[in-house]
Amino acid sequence: MSDTIGSLIDKLFTVDSKMWNGQESLYEIRRHDFEWFKNRFLNCDTTGLELYEILKKCCDLNVQRVQLITELDERFVKLVEDGLAGKELRTSDNIANSHKTY
């Protein structure tokens, strides 16, 4: 079964939350000067790896976010086009009966 609009929004919210948390590490860099950055991330291999992983995760999450937004845009356009064409809008592509419990 393909994702519904609601499940895509759920995924987008999850990715945005993860991005928010990941960006806190980047804002820590912004609050300090280059000497702090050098001491924190450039003085040994493990912290360089840590910085790489932070940046990679933020980039990967941003790619996922853009893909989800694009898919949502396409689904909304199709939904409007189908509605204007008089097609049935209550289909399994638009609505799912299952609900997540957390």
C-alpha atoms as a PDB file:
ATOM      1  CA  MET A   1       0.000   0.000   0.000  1.00  0.00           C
ATOM      2  CA  SER A   2       1.307   3.444  -0.842  1.00  0.00           C
ATOM      3  CA  ASP A   3       1.523   6.185   1.728  1.00  0.00           C
ATOM      4  CA  THR A   4      -1.525   8.300   2.403  1.00  0.00           C
ATOM      5  CA  ILE A   5      -1.291  12.069   2.771  1.00  0.00           C
ATOM      6  CA  GLY A   6      -1.620  11.631   6.535  1.00  0.00           C
ATOM      7  CA  SER A   7       1.176   9.065   6.716  1.00  0.00           C
ATOM      8  CA  LEU A   8       3.415  11.315   4.599  1.00  0.00           C
ATOM      9  CA  ILE A   9       2.743  14.204   6.987  1.00  0.00           C
ATOM     10  CA  ASP A  10       3.552  11.881   9.911  1.00  0.00           C
ATOM     11  CA  LYS A  11       6.877  10.957   8.281  1.00  0.00           C
ATOM     12  CA  LEU A  12       7.616  14.621   7.551  1.00  0.00           C
ATOM     13  CA  PHE A  13       6.966  15.556  11.178  1.00  0.00           C
ATOM     14  CA  THR A  14       9.295  12.758  12.346  1.00  0.00           C
ATOM     15  CA  VAL A  15      12.085  13.863   9.979  1.00  0.00           C
ATOM     16  CA  ASP A  16      11.628  17.514  11.008  1.00  0.00           C
ATOM     17  CA  SER A  17      11.888  16.548  14.687  1.00  0.00           C
ATOM     18  CA  LYS A  18      15.093  14.609  14.048  1.00  0.00           C
ATOM     19  CA  MET A  19      16.492  17.552  12.065  1.00  0.00           C
ATOM     20  CA  TRP A  20      15.646  19.912  14.932  1.00  0.00           C
ATOM     21  CA  ASN A  21      17.567  17.747  17.384  1.00  0.00           C
ATOM     22  CA  GLY A  22      20.525  17.343  15.011  1.00  0.00           C
ATOM     23  CA  GLN A  23      20.756  21.035  14.358  1.00  0.00           C
ATOM     24  CA  GLU A  24      21.262  21.713  18.047  1.00  0.00           C
ATOM     25  CA  SER A  25      24.792  20.342  17.585  1.00  0.00           C
ATOM     26  CA  LEU A  26      25.359  22.738  14.694  1.00  0.00           C
ATOM     27  CA  TYR A  27      24.090  25.707  16.702  1.00  0.00           C
ATOM     28  CA  GLU A  28      26.584  24.818  19.422  1.00  0.00           C
ATOM     29  CA  ILE A  29      29.315  25.496  16.849  1.00  0.00           C
ATOM     30  CA  ARG A  30      27.725  28.845  15.998  1.00  0.00           C
ATOM     31  CA  ARG A  31      27.874  29.972  19.639  1.00  0.00           C
ATOM     32  CA  HIS A  32      31.647  29.536  19.867  1.00  0.00           C
ATOM     33  CA  ASP A  33      34.740  30.857  18.165  1.00  0.00           C
ATOM     34  CA  PHE A  34      37.116  29.016  15.851  1.00  0.00           C
ATOM     35  CA  GLU A  35      39.541  28.137  18.650  1.00  0.00           C
ATOM     36  CA  TRP A  36      36.780  26.256  20.480  1.00  0.00           C
ATOM     37  CA  PHE A  37      35.817  24.539  17.212  1.00  0.00           C
ATOM     38  CA  LYS A  38      39.426  23.577  16.532  1.00  0.00           C
ATOM     39  CA  ASN A  39      39.858  22.141  20.027  1.00  0.00           C
ATOM     40  CA  ARG A  40      36.518  20.358  19.931  1.00  0.00           C
ATOM     41  CA  PHE A  41      36.541  18.851  16.439  1.00  0.00           C
ATOM     42  CA  LEU A  42      39.963  19.082  14.817  1.00  0.00           C
ATOM     43  CA  ASN A  43      42.414  17.867  17.453  1.00  0.00           C
ATOM     44  CA  CYS A  44      41.794  14.128  17.241  1.00  0.00           C
ATOM     45  CA  ASP A  45      40.323  11.593  14.833  1.00  0.00           C
ATOM     46  CA  THR A  46      37.287  10.653  16.919  1.00  0.00           C
ATOM     47  CA  THR A  47      35.898  14.176  17.189  1.00  0.00           C
ATOM     48  CA  GLY A  48      36.468  14.724  13.470  1.00  0.00           C
ATOM     49  CA  LEU A  49      34.417  11.593  12.895  1.00  0.00           C
ATOM     50  CA  GLU A  50      31.763  12.925  15.268  1.00  0.00           C
ATOM     51  CA  LEU A  51      31.498  16.171  13.286  1.00  0.00           C
ATOM     52  CA  TYR A  52      31.298  14.219  10.030  1.00  0.00           C
ATOM     53  CA  GLU A  53      28.470  12.063  11.405  1.00  0.00           C
ATOM     54  CA  ILE A  54      26.552  15.119  12.646  1.00  0.00           C
ATOM     55  CA  LEU A  55      26.839  16.837   9.267  1.00  0.00           C
ATOM     56  CA  LYS A  56      26.001  13.671   7.310  1.00  0.00           C
ATOM     57  CA  LYS A  57      22.919  12.986   9.430  1.00  0.00           C
ATOM     58  CA  CYS A  58      21.668  16.563   8.995  1.00  0.00           C
ATOM     59  CA  CYS A  59      22.218  16.373   5.222  1.00  0.00           C
ATOM     60  CA  ASP A  60      20.520  12.961   4.937  1.00  0.00           C
ATOM     61  CA  LEU A  61      17.528  14.162   6.946  1.00  0.00           C
ATOM     62  CA  ASN A  62      17.245  17.278   4.788  1.00  0.00           C
ATOM     63  CA  VAL A  63      17.202  15.111   1.628  1.00  0.00           C
ATOM     64  CA  GLN A  64      14.424  12.974   3.162  1.00  0.00           C
ATOM     65  CA  ARG A  65      12.525  16.127   4.135  1.00  0.00           C
ATOM     66  CA  VAL A  66      12.689  17.546   0.600  1.00  0.00           C
ATOM     67  CA  GLN A  67      11.562  14.209  -0.885  1.00  0.00           C
ATOM     68  CA  LEU A  68       8.581  14.049   1.479  1.00  0.00           C
ATOM     69  CA  ILE A  69       7.578  17.656   0.749  1.00  0.00           C
ATOM     70  CA  THR A  70       7.797  16.986  -3.000  1.00  0.00           C
ATOM     71  CA  GLU A  71       5.688  13.837  -2.670  1.00  0.00           C
ATOM     72  CA  LEU A  72       3.104  15.706  -0.598  1.00  0.00           C
ATOM     73  CA  ASP A  73       2.969  18.502  -3.175  1.00  0.00           C
ATOM     74  CA  GLU A  74       2.403  15.954  -5.948  1.00  0.00           C
ATOM     75  CA  ARG A  75      -0.324  14.176  -3.949  1.00  0.00           C
ATOM     76  CA  PHE A  76      -2.148  17.435  -3.209  1.00  0.00           C
ATOM     77  CA  VAL A  77      -2.024  18.471  -6.876  1.00  0.00           C
ATOM     78  CA  LYS A  78      -3.382  15.061  -7.923  1.00  0.00           C
ATOM     79  CA  LEU A  79      -6.090  15.257  -5.258  1.00  0.00           C
ATOM     80  CA  VAL A  80      -7.225  18.661  -6.515  1.00  0.00           C
ATOM     81  CA  GLU A  81      -7.082  17.552 -10.153  1.00  0.00           C
ATOM     82  CA  ASP A  82      -9.116  14.424  -9.363  1.00  0.00           C
ATOM     83  CA  GLY A  83     -11.642  16.498  -7.432  1.00  0.00           C
ATOM     84  CA  LEU A  84     -12.037  18.940 -10.308  1.00  0.00           C
ATOM     85  CA  ALA A  85     -12.452  16.005 -12.706  1.00  0.00           C
ATOM     86  CA  GLY A  86     -15.256  14.608 -10.528  1.00  0.00           C
ATOM     87  CA  LYS A  87     -13.347  11.474  -9.462  1.00  0.00           C
ATOM     88  CA  GLU A  88     -14.057   9.694  -6.196  1.00  0.00           C
ATOM     89  CA  LEU A  89     -11.665  11.145  -3.599  1.00  0.00           C
ATOM     90  CA  ARG A  90     -12.231   8.611  -0.812  1.00  0.00           C
ATOM     91  CA  THR A  91      -9.847   5.919  -1.997  1.00  0.00           C
ATOM     92  CA  SER A  92      -7.167   3.824  -0.338  1.00  0.00           C
ATOM     93  CA  ASP A  93      -4.609   6.211  -1.880  1.00  0.00           C
ATOM     94  CA  ASN A  94      -5.969   9.061   0.221  1.00  0.00           C
ATOM     95  CA  ILE A  95      -7.290   7.459   3.404  1.00  0.00           C
ATOM     96  CA  ALA A  96      -6.068   4.573   5.509  1.00  0.00           C
ATOM     97  CA  ASN A  97      -8.122   2.971   8.275  1.00  0.00           C
ATOM     98  CA  SER A  98      -5.152   1.883  10.368  1.00  0.00           C
ATOM     99  CA  HIS A  99      -3.963   4.137  13.184  1.00  0.00           C
ATOM    100  CA  LYS A 100      -0.649   4.142  14.974  1.00  0.00           C
ATOM    101  CA  THR A 101      -0.535   3.768  18.702  1.00  0.00           C
ATOM    102  CA  TYR A 102       2.517   5.062  20.485  1.00  0.00           C
END
